[in-house]
Protein backbone atom coordinates (compact mmCIF):
# COMPACT_ATOMS: atom_id res chain seq x y z
CA UNK A 1 -29.85 70.59 8.97
CA UNK A 2 -33.63 69.67 10.12
CA UNK A 3 -36.55 71.88 8.82
CA UNK A 4 -39.02 73.00 10.63
CA UNK A 5 -41.66 72.27 8.41
CA UNK A 6 -43.78 69.24 8.57
CA UNK A 7 -46.77 67.19 6.54
CA UNK A 8 -49.65 66.50 8.83
CA UNK A 9 -52.12 64.20 8.13
CA UNK A 10 -55.58 65.45 9.10
CA UNK A 11 -58.55 64.18 9.43
CA UNK A 12 -61.72 66.50 8.54
CA UNK A 13 -64.15 67.43 11.09
CA UNK A 14 -67.19 67.58 8.88
CA UNK A 15 -66.56 63.96 7.08
CA UNK A 16 -63.81 62.16 8.08
CA UNK A 17 -61.67 62.12 5.48
CA UNK A 18 -57.84 61.81 5.47
CA UNK A 19 -55.75 63.89 3.74
CA UNK A 20 -51.99 64.79 4.06
CA UNK A 21 -51.33 68.75 4.26
CA UNK A 22 -48.36 70.97 4.77
CA UNK A 23 -48.26 72.79 7.94
CA UNK A 24 -47.05 76.15 6.82
CA UNK A 25 -49.29 76.46 3.71
CA UNK A 26 -49.94 79.83 1.73
CA UNK A 27 -53.42 79.04 0.69
CA UNK A 28 -56.35 77.88 2.12
CA UNK A 29 -56.61 74.09 2.15
CA UNK A 30 -60.12 72.33 1.67
CA UNK A 31 -61.23 68.76 1.91
CA UNK A 32 -60.76 66.64 -1.20
CA UNK A 33 -64.34 64.97 -0.65
CA UNK A 34 -66.80 67.71 0.72
CA UNK A 35 -65.01 70.88 0.87
CA UNK A 36 -65.09 71.66 4.24
CA UNK A 37 -62.08 74.03 5.12
CA UNK A 38 -59.02 71.86 6.65
CA UNK A 39 -56.30 74.37 7.27
CA UNK A 40 -55.96 78.50 6.58
CA UNK A 41 -52.84 80.29 6.24
CA UNK A 42 -51.63 82.48 8.87
CA UNK A 43 -48.14 83.84 7.74
CA UNK A 44 -46.13 80.90 9.14
CA UNK A 45 -47.80 78.02 10.42
CA UNK A 46 -51.15 76.91 8.98
CA UNK A 47 -54.34 77.28 11.44
CA UNK A 48 -55.48 73.41 11.39
CA UNK A 49 -59.58 73.24 11.57
CA UNK A 50 -59.63 69.35 11.17
CA UNK A 51 -57.82 66.85 13.71
CA UNK A 52 -54.03 66.27 13.37
CA UNK A 53 -54.36 62.27 13.26
CA UNK A 54 -50.36 62.09 12.63
CA UNK A 55 -47.09 64.17 12.00
CA UNK A 56 -45.23 63.02 8.56
CA UNK A 57 -41.16 63.13 9.13
CA UNK A 58 -39.63 64.33 5.91
CA UNK A 59 -36.25 61.84 6.75
CA UNK A 60 -34.45 61.98 3.26
């Protein structure tokens, strides 16, 4: 069974910091370095404000 949810490595558009976030977050995600908003919850997939660098597979 494949899940629809993915983890994403996202680059902050303000400072360039890269961090891993969940693509279906239910809370606002802020950059760990500068505090800029990286993702906003939208009742499903999050609205990503930064640049998606890559998707991380959940292979177990």
